[in-house]
């Protein structure tokens, strides 16, 4: 049984920042990505992969703050 988006959000929010970062690094490694290597073209990701990454990063308030700073610059 897969979890609902609400359940996933609660699970990510219950994690510590370190745990979320570790999970993101594991997913990146599984995708063959290395930190600081940039991002491969979006078209090479599957829709589910993109959605998973969006869901994970949406739980990082520090990433949202950086994004907002870049948009407003």
N, C-alpha and C. Protein backbone atom coordinates (compact mmCIF):
# COMPACT_ATOMS: atom_id res chain seq x y z
N UNK A 1 0.85 -1.19 0.00
CA UNK A 1 0.00 0.00 0.00
C UNK A 1 0.89 1.25 0.00
N UNK A 2 0.68 2.12 -0.96
CA UNK A 2 1.50 3.33 -1.01
C UNK A 2 0.89 4.40 -0.11
N UNK A 3 1.75 5.31 0.32
CA UNK A 3 1.28 6.35 1.22
C UNK A 3 0.69 7.52 0.45
N UNK A 4 -0.21 8.22 1.08
CA UNK A 4 -0.82 9.39 0.45
C UNK A 4 0.18 10.55 0.51
N UNK A 5 -0.04 11.58 -0.30
CA UNK A 5 0.85 12.74 -0.23
C UNK A 5 0.88 13.35 1.19
N UNK A 6 -0.25 13.34 1.87
CA UNK A 6 -0.29 13.89 3.23
C UNK A 6 0.56 13.05 4.19
N UNK A 7 0.47 11.73 4.05
CA UNK A 7 1.27 10.84 4.89
C UNK A 7 2.76 11.02 4.61
N UNK A 8 3.09 11.17 3.33
CA UNK A 8 4.48 11.38 2.96
C UNK A 8 5.01 12.68 3.56
N UNK A 9 4.21 13.73 3.45
CA UNK A 9 4.62 15.03 4.01
C UNK A 9 4.83 14.92 5.51
N UNK A 10 3.91 14.27 6.21
CA UNK A 10 4.06 14.10 7.66
C UNK A 10 5.32 13.31 7.99
N UNK A 11 5.60 12.26 7.19
CA UNK A 11 6.79 11.45 7.44
C UNK A 11 8.06 12.28 7.26
N UNK A 12 8.12 13.07 6.18
CA UNK A 12 9.29 13.91 5.95
C UNK A 12 9.43 14.98 7.02
N UNK A 13 8.32 15.58 7.44
CA UNK A 13 8.39 16.62 8.46
C UNK A 13 8.79 16.06 9.82
N UNK A 14 8.51 14.78 10.05
CA UNK A 14 8.89 14.15 11.32
C UNK A 14 10.38 13.83 11.35
N UNK A 15 11.02 13.82 10.19
CA UNK A 15 12.46 13.53 10.13
C UNK A 15 13.25 14.76 10.53
N UNK A 16 14.45 14.51 11.04
CA UNK A 16 15.35 15.62 11.31
C UNK A 16 15.92 16.11 9.98
N UNK A 17 16.49 17.27 9.98
CA UNK A 17 17.10 17.82 8.77
C UNK A 17 18.17 16.86 8.26
N UNK A 18 18.96 16.30 9.16
CA UNK A 18 20.01 15.36 8.77
C UNK A 18 19.41 14.13 8.09
N UNK A 19 18.31 13.61 8.63
CA UNK A 19 17.67 12.44 8.04
C UNK A 19 17.13 12.74 6.65
N UNK A 20 16.53 13.93 6.47
CA UNK A 20 16.02 14.31 5.15
C UNK A 20 17.17 14.46 4.16
N UNK A 21 18.26 15.07 4.60
CA UNK A 21 19.42 15.23 3.72
C UNK A 21 19.98 13.88 3.32
N UNK A 22 20.06 12.96 4.29
CA UNK A 22 20.56 11.62 4.01
C UNK A 22 19.66 10.91 3.00
N UNK A 23 18.36 11.03 3.18
CA UNK A 23 17.41 10.42 2.24
C UNK A 23 17.58 10.99 0.84
N UNK A 24 17.73 12.30 0.75
CA UNK A 24 17.94 12.94 -0.55
C UNK A 24 19.24 12.47 -1.18
N UNK A 25 20.29 12.35 -0.38
CA UNK A 25 21.57 11.85 -0.92
C UNK A 25 21.44 10.42 -1.41
N UNK A 26 20.69 9.58 -0.68
CA UNK A 26 20.48 8.20 -1.11
C UNK A 26 19.75 8.16 -2.45
N UNK A 27 18.71 8.99 -2.59
CA UNK A 27 17.96 9.03 -3.84
C UNK A 27 18.83 9.55 -4.98
N UNK A 28 19.66 10.55 -4.70
CA UNK A 28 20.56 11.07 -5.71
C UNK A 28 21.55 9.99 -6.16
N UNK A 29 22.10 9.27 -5.19
CA UNK A 29 23.06 8.21 -5.50
C UNK A 29 22.39 7.12 -6.35
N UNK A 30 21.16 6.77 -6.01
CA UNK A 30 20.43 5.76 -6.78
C UNK A 30 20.19 6.23 -8.22
N UNK A 31 20.12 7.54 -8.41
CA UNK A 31 19.91 8.11 -9.75
C UNK A 31 21.23 8.34 -10.47
N UNK A 32 22.35 8.08 -9.77
CA UNK A 32 23.65 8.30 -10.39
C UNK A 32 24.11 9.74 -10.32
N UNK A 33 23.49 10.53 -9.44
CA UNK A 33 23.87 11.93 -9.27
C UNK A 33 24.87 12.06 -8.14
N UNK A 34 25.78 13.01 -8.27
CA UNK A 34 26.77 13.29 -7.24
C UNK A 34 26.55 14.73 -6.80
N UNK A 35 26.62 14.97 -5.49
CA UNK A 35 26.44 16.33 -5.00
C UNK A 35 27.39 17.28 -5.71
N UNK A 36 26.85 18.41 -6.14
CA UNK A 36 27.67 19.41 -6.80
C UNK A 36 27.91 19.12 -8.27
N UNK A 37 27.34 18.03 -8.79
CA UNK A 37 27.58 17.67 -10.19
C UNK A 37 26.61 18.34 -11.14
N UNK A 38 25.68 19.09 -10.61
CA UNK A 38 24.66 19.68 -11.45
C UNK A 38 23.51 18.70 -11.60
N UNK A 39 22.59 19.03 -12.42
CA UNK A 39 21.40 18.19 -12.59
C UNK A 39 21.31 17.79 -14.05
N UNK A 40 20.97 16.53 -14.27
CA UNK A 40 20.81 16.10 -15.65
C UNK A 40 19.54 16.71 -16.24
N UNK A 41 19.44 16.75 -17.54
CA UNK A 41 18.25 17.35 -18.16
C UNK A 41 16.96 16.74 -17.62
N UNK A 42 15.98 17.58 -17.40
CA UNK A 42 14.71 17.14 -16.82
C UNK A 42 14.08 16.04 -17.65
N UNK A 43 14.28 16.07 -18.96
CA UNK A 43 13.66 15.07 -19.83
C UNK A 43 14.20 13.66 -19.57
N UNK A 44 15.37 13.54 -18.91
CA UNK A 44 15.92 12.21 -18.65
C UNK A 44 15.37 11.61 -17.36
N UNK A 45 14.59 12.37 -16.61
CA UNK A 45 13.95 11.86 -15.41
C UNK A 45 12.57 11.33 -15.77
N UNK A 46 12.11 10.31 -15.05
CA UNK A 46 10.73 9.88 -15.18
C UNK A 46 9.85 10.81 -14.37
N UNK A 47 8.59 10.87 -14.68
CA UNK A 47 7.66 11.75 -13.97
C UNK A 47 7.65 11.43 -12.47
N UNK A 48 7.67 10.14 -12.11
CA UNK A 48 7.66 9.76 -10.69
C UNK A 48 8.92 10.22 -9.99
N UNK A 49 10.05 10.15 -10.68
CA UNK A 49 11.32 10.59 -10.09
C UNK A 49 11.29 12.08 -9.79
N UNK A 50 10.79 12.85 -10.73
CA UNK A 50 10.70 14.30 -10.55
C UNK A 50 9.77 14.61 -9.38
N UNK A 51 8.64 13.96 -9.34
CA UNK A 51 7.67 14.21 -8.26
C UNK A 51 8.28 13.86 -6.90
N UNK A 52 9.00 12.73 -6.81
CA UNK A 52 9.65 12.35 -5.56
C UNK A 52 10.64 13.42 -5.11
N UNK A 53 11.46 13.92 -6.03
CA UNK A 53 12.43 14.95 -5.68
C UNK A 53 11.75 16.25 -5.25
N UNK A 54 10.67 16.61 -5.93
CA UNK A 54 9.93 17.81 -5.54
C UNK A 54 9.35 17.64 -4.14
N UNK A 55 8.77 16.49 -3.87
CA UNK A 55 8.18 16.24 -2.56
C UNK A 55 9.22 16.29 -1.46
N UNK A 56 10.37 15.70 -1.70
CA UNK A 56 11.43 15.69 -0.69
C UNK A 56 11.94 17.10 -0.45
N UNK A 57 12.26 17.82 -1.51
CA UNK A 57 12.83 19.16 -1.33
C UNK A 57 11.83 20.14 -0.75
N UNK A 58 10.53 19.89 -0.94
CA UNK A 58 9.54 20.80 -0.36
C UNK A 58 9.53 20.72 1.16
N UNK A 59 10.14 19.70 1.73
CA UNK A 59 10.21 19.55 3.18
C UNK A 59 11.45 20.22 3.77
N UNK A 60 12.28 20.83 2.93
CA UNK A 60 13.48 21.52 3.39
C UNK A 60 13.22 23.02 3.39
N UNK A 61 12.86 23.60 4.53
CA UNK A 61 12.58 25.03 4.56
C UNK A 61 13.77 25.86 4.10
N UNK A 62 14.99 25.39 4.40
CA UNK A 62 16.17 26.15 4.00
C UNK A 62 16.31 26.21 2.47
N UNK A 63 15.86 25.17 1.77
CA UNK A 63 15.92 25.18 0.31
C UNK A 63 14.87 26.13 -0.25
N UNK A 64 13.71 26.17 0.38
CA UNK A 64 12.66 27.07 -0.07
C UNK A 64 13.10 28.52 0.12
N UNK A 65 13.77 28.81 1.24
CA UNK A 65 14.25 30.17 1.49
C UNK A 65 15.27 30.59 0.44
N UNK A 66 16.19 29.68 0.09
CA UNK A 66 17.19 30.00 -0.93
C UNK A 66 16.54 30.25 -2.27
N UNK A 67 15.54 29.44 -2.62
CA UNK A 67 14.84 29.61 -3.88
C UNK A 67 14.15 30.98 -3.93
N UNK A 68 13.49 31.35 -2.83
CA UNK A 68 12.81 32.64 -2.78
C UNK A 68 13.81 33.79 -2.89
N UNK A 69 14.99 33.64 -2.28
CA UNK A 69 16.02 34.67 -2.38
C UNK A 69 16.47 34.83 -3.82
N UNK A 70 16.66 33.72 -4.53
CA UNK A 70 17.10 33.78 -5.92
C UNK A 70 16.02 34.40 -6.81
N UNK A 71 14.75 34.07 -6.55
CA UNK A 71 13.67 34.63 -7.36
C UNK A 71 13.58 36.14 -7.19
N UNK A 72 13.82 36.60 -5.97
CA UNK A 72 13.67 38.01 -5.65
C UNK A 72 14.91 38.83 -5.95
N UNK A 73 15.98 38.20 -6.40
CA UNK A 73 17.23 38.93 -6.70
C UNK A 73 17.15 39.58 -8.06
